[in-house]
Amino acid sequence: MQKPVEKIVADVRKCIDEIALNDADFISGQDNTEMDAIIRSKVIDALRYVHGNADWSLIDSDVVVNLSDVAIDGRLVGRVPLPEDYMRLCYARFSSWPLFLSDPIYWNDKEYALLSDEYATGTWERPKLGMVMYPKRFLELYKARTEDDRIEVGIILEPKILSDGMVNVSPRLEGALTYYIAGLTLLTYSDRHADDLFNQAMVMMGIPQVPPVTE
């Protein structure tokens, strides 16, 4: 969904103000205009982190690639060209596959060579994904069942502020985004609450938290 940057700033200010109300030691005397500018400057970095690291089940894709963008070669391998502002894969599959995949094997991984092996490569029953970065970025799907297989690929693009002042935010990650920006803002002020806000954002992103080691 699209959300105005100004609404994000307001949500972050509300989050920070709630801390101030509940903690007498909270930073005081900060200039509101200055803080709003800092919050605004953190939006893109925070979006990149939250969308880039959250559990994929919480993310809504920006773009769905359809069959017209895909070449299926004689080996029934699908090759999907990805845009220059590609950031993260949400899901991919041929219609014959029994499941969606979201973790490709990159071309510099030793396992990538096995995708060309007749016996170790993926099949429509046990599919695999490959990612090639040169001469441009391609997602490879191993393999289709037939040449008529349809493909679905959802991706996240690099975040940017649109001309109307909006940004794309996955609805289930709105809260995580608010907490993460608030953490970045308080980190600028060297405020001790930043870590708590980062930890809360991680929980809302579906990232498992490692309990502290006790002796």
Protein backbone atom coordinates (compact mmCIF):
# COMPACT_ATOMS: atom_id res chain seq x y z
CA MET A 1 0.00 0.00 0.00
CA GLN A 2 1.05 3.63 -0.38
CA LYS A 3 1.49 5.83 2.67
CA PRO A 4 2.30 9.56 2.84
CA VAL A 5 5.73 10.36 4.24
CA GLU A 6 4.13 13.04 6.41
CA LYS A 7 1.85 10.40 8.00
CA ILE A 8 4.92 8.27 8.73
CA VAL A 9 6.59 11.27 10.37
CA ALA A 10 3.47 11.86 12.49
CA ASP A 11 3.34 8.18 13.56
CA VAL A 12 7.00 8.22 14.56
CA ARG A 13 6.58 11.47 16.51
CA LYS A 14 3.65 9.91 18.37
CA CYS A 15 5.78 6.87 19.23
CA ILE A 16 8.62 9.06 20.50
CA ASP A 17 6.24 11.36 22.41
CA GLU A 18 4.78 8.35 24.24
CA ILE A 19 8.25 7.48 25.48
CA ALA A 20 8.75 11.05 26.65
CA LEU A 21 5.49 10.98 28.61
CA ASN A 22 6.48 7.77 30.40
CA ASP A 23 10.11 8.53 31.13
CA ALA A 24 11.35 11.55 33.01
CA ASP A 25 14.89 10.88 31.79
CA PHE A 26 13.91 11.14 28.13
CA ILE A 27 15.76 13.72 26.04
CA SER A 28 14.21 17.13 26.51
CA GLY A 29 14.36 20.44 24.72
CA GLN A 30 14.68 18.97 21.23
CA ASP A 31 13.57 21.21 18.41
CA ASN A 32 10.40 19.81 16.80
CA THR A 33 11.27 21.01 13.32
CA GLU A 34 14.73 19.53 13.58
CA MET A 35 13.38 16.17 14.80
CA ASP A 36 10.81 16.02 12.00
CA ALA A 37 13.58 16.61 9.47
CA ILE A 38 15.65 13.81 11.02
CA ILE A 39 12.67 11.44 10.96
CA ARG A 40 12.00 12.26 7.32
CA SER A 41 15.63 11.61 6.41
CA LYS A 42 15.45 8.10 7.92
CA VAL A 43 12.39 6.87 6.01
CA ILE A 44 14.16 5.36 2.98
CA ASP A 45 16.93 3.69 5.00
CA ALA A 46 14.32 2.23 7.36
CA LEU A 47 12.15 0.97 4.50
CA ARG A 48 15.17 -0.68 2.92
CA TYR A 49 16.03 -2.44 6.18
CA VAL A 50 12.50 -3.49 7.13
CA HIS A 51 11.46 -4.73 3.68
CA GLY A 52 14.87 -6.27 3.12
CA ASN A 53 14.99 -8.28 6.34
CA ALA A 54 11.43 -9.00 7.51
CA ASP A 55 10.01 -12.49 7.29
CA TRP A 56 8.85 -12.84 3.69
CA SER A 57 5.33 -13.87 4.81
CA LEU A 58 4.81 -10.29 6.09
CA ILE A 59 5.78 -8.61 2.82
CA ASP A 60 3.51 -7.57 -0.03
CA SER A 61 5.29 -7.55 -3.37
CA ASP A 62 5.58 -4.33 -5.40
CA VAL A 63 5.64 -6.06 -8.78
CA VAL A 64 4.26 -9.35 -10.09
CA VAL A 65 6.02 -10.55 -13.23
CA ASN A 66 3.77 -12.33 -15.71
CA LEU A 67 4.34 -14.77 -18.55
CA SER A 68 5.05 -12.09 -21.14
CA ASP A 69 8.26 -11.17 -19.28
CA VAL A 70 9.58 -14.74 -19.18
CA ALA A 71 11.60 -16.89 -21.58
CA ILE A 72 11.35 -20.68 -21.22
CA ASP A 73 14.25 -22.41 -22.97
CA GLY A 74 14.49 -25.89 -24.44
CA ARG A 75 15.47 -27.32 -21.06
CA LEU A 76 12.23 -25.90 -19.59
CA VAL A 77 14.19 -23.40 -17.49
CA GLY A 78 12.43 -20.07 -16.98
CA ARG A 79 14.52 -16.89 -17.09
CA VAL A 80 13.01 -13.71 -15.69
CA PRO A 81 14.81 -10.38 -16.24
CA LEU A 82 14.70 -8.28 -13.09
CA PRO A 83 14.58 -4.46 -13.05
CA GLU A 84 17.58 -2.37 -12.03
CA ASP A 85 15.80 -1.25 -8.85
CA TYR A 86 15.13 -4.84 -7.76
CA MET A 87 15.77 -5.32 -4.03
CA ARG A 88 14.30 -8.61 -2.80
CA LEU A 89 12.46 -11.68 -4.03
CA CYS A 90 9.14 -12.37 -2.32
CA TYR A 91 8.10 -15.53 -4.15
CA ALA A 92 8.45 -17.40 -7.42
CA ARG A 93 6.96 -20.51 -8.98
CA PHE A 94 5.73 -22.18 -12.13
CA SER A 95 2.06 -23.10 -11.97
CA SER A 96 2.98 -26.80 -11.91
CA TRP A 97 5.16 -26.46 -8.81
CA PRO A 98 3.81 -27.80 -5.52
CA LEU A 99 5.16 -24.79 -3.57
CA PHE A 100 6.40 -21.21 -3.80
CA LEU A 101 10.12 -20.52 -3.36
CA SER A 102 11.81 -17.36 -2.08
CA ASP A 103 15.51 -18.28 -1.65
CA PRO A 104 17.50 -18.43 -4.90
CA ILE A 105 20.91 -20.01 -5.31
CA TYR A 106 23.31 -17.26 -6.41
CA TRP A 107 25.65 -17.72 -9.33
CA ASN A 108 28.77 -17.45 -7.12
CA ASP A 109 27.58 -20.27 -4.85
CA LYS A 110 29.13 -23.70 -5.44
CA GLU A 111 25.64 -25.19 -5.45
CA TYR A 112 24.73 -23.11 -8.51
CA ALA A 113 26.83 -25.40 -10.74
CA LEU A 114 24.56 -28.31 -9.78
CA LEU A 115 21.63 -26.57 -11.47
CA SER A 116 23.22 -27.53 -14.80
CA ASP A 117 23.61 -31.16 -13.75
CA GLU A 118 21.01 -33.46 -15.27
CA TYR A 119 20.48 -35.33 -12.01
CA ALA A 120 20.99 -32.60 -9.40
CA THR A 121 19.03 -29.79 -11.05
CA GLY A 122 15.56 -28.75 -10.00
CA THR A 123 12.42 -30.29 -11.45
CA TRP A 124 8.78 -29.27 -11.38
CA GLU A 125 8.34 -31.74 -8.51
CA ARG A 126 11.45 -30.57 -6.60
CA PRO A 127 11.97 -27.02 -7.89
CA LYS A 128 14.95 -24.73 -7.39
CA LEU A 129 15.73 -21.08 -8.09
CA GLY A 130 18.93 -19.54 -9.43
CA MET A 131 20.03 -15.90 -9.51
CA VAL A 132 22.47 -14.60 -12.13
CA MET A 133 23.94 -11.10 -11.80
CA TYR A 134 25.78 -10.69 -15.13
CA PRO A 135 25.44 -9.21 -17.72
CA LYS A 136 22.22 -8.24 -15.93
CA ARG A 137 20.18 -9.74 -13.14
CA PHE A 138 18.04 -12.76 -14.06
CA LEU A 139 15.97 -15.08 -11.90
CA GLU A 140 16.06 -18.67 -13.15
CA LEU A 141 13.34 -21.20 -12.38
CA TYR A 142 14.23 -24.90 -12.58
CA LYS A 143 12.04 -26.23 -14.14
CA ALA A 144 8.68 -25.99 -15.84
CA ARG A 145 6.60 -29.12 -16.39
CA THR A 146 5.70 -28.07 -19.93
CA GLU A 147 6.31 -25.08 -22.20
CA ASP A 148 2.78 -23.90 -21.36
CA ASP A 149 3.52 -23.56 -17.63
CA ARG A 150 2.59 -20.16 -16.24
CA ILE A 151 4.88 -18.25 -13.93
CA GLU A 152 4.39 -16.03 -10.89
CA VAL A 153 7.20 -13.88 -9.49
CA GLY A 154 6.72 -11.22 -6.83
CA ILE A 155 9.51 -8.79 -5.99
CA ILE A 156 10.23 -5.81 -3.77
CA LEU A 157 11.82 -2.76 -5.37
CA GLU A 158 14.30 -0.34 -3.84
CA PRO A 159 12.26 2.16 -1.82
CA LYS A 160 11.80 5.70 -3.04
CA ILE A 161 9.62 8.71 -2.33
CA LEU A 162 7.16 9.11 -5.17
CA SER A 163 6.33 12.44 -6.78
CA ASP A 164 3.18 12.77 -4.66
CA GLY A 165 5.10 12.28 -1.40
CA MET A 166 4.04 8.67 -0.93
CA VAL A 167 6.08 5.51 -0.31
CA ASN A 168 5.18 1.84 -0.69
CA VAL A 169 4.82 0.08 2.68
CA SER A 170 3.72 -3.49 3.32
CA PRO A 171 0.64 -3.11 5.57
CA ARG A 172 1.75 -5.77 8.07
CA LEU A 173 5.07 -3.96 8.52
CA GLU A 174 3.74 -0.46 9.26
CA GLY A 175 4.35 -0.84 12.98
CA ALA A 176 7.84 -2.24 12.48
CA LEU A 177 8.68 0.68 10.20
CA THR A 178 7.48 3.19 12.80
CA TYR A 179 9.56 1.63 15.58
CA TYR A 180 12.65 1.29 13.40
CA ILE A 181 12.55 4.93 12.26
CA ALA A 182 11.98 6.00 15.86
CA GLY A 183 15.05 3.95 16.84
CA LEU A 184 17.18 5.56 14.13
CA THR A 185 15.99 8.99 15.22
CA LEU A 186 16.83 8.44 18.89
CA LEU A 187 20.15 6.93 17.89
CA THR A 188 20.95 10.30 16.29
CA TYR A 189 20.38 11.86 19.71
CA SER A 190 22.42 9.10 21.42
CA ASP A 191 19.33 8.27 23.47
CA ARG A 192 19.32 4.96 25.34
CA HIS A 193 15.79 4.07 24.20
CA ALA A 194 16.95 3.38 20.64
CA ASP A 195 17.85 -0.26 21.31
CA ASP A 196 14.43 -1.01 22.78
CA LEU A 197 12.75 0.41 19.70
CA PHE A 198 15.01 -1.60 17.37
CA ASN A 199 14.21 -4.77 19.31
CA GLN A 200 10.49 -4.11 19.09
CA ALA A 201 10.81 -3.54 15.34
CA MET A 202 12.63 -6.86 14.96
CA VAL A 203 9.85 -8.72 16.76
CA MET A 204 7.26 -7.14 14.47
CA MET A 205 9.39 -8.09 11.45
CA GLY A 206 9.27 -11.75 12.48
CA ILE A 207 12.98 -11.92 13.24
CA PRO A 208 13.69 -14.37 16.09
CA GLN A 209 15.31 -12.71 19.08
CA VAL A 210 18.27 -14.43 20.72
CA PRO A 211 17.92 -14.32 24.52
CA PRO A 212 20.92 -12.84 26.38
CA VAL A 213 23.47 -15.32 27.68
CA THR A 214 23.43 -15.60 31.47
CA GLU A 215 26.19 -17.10 33.54
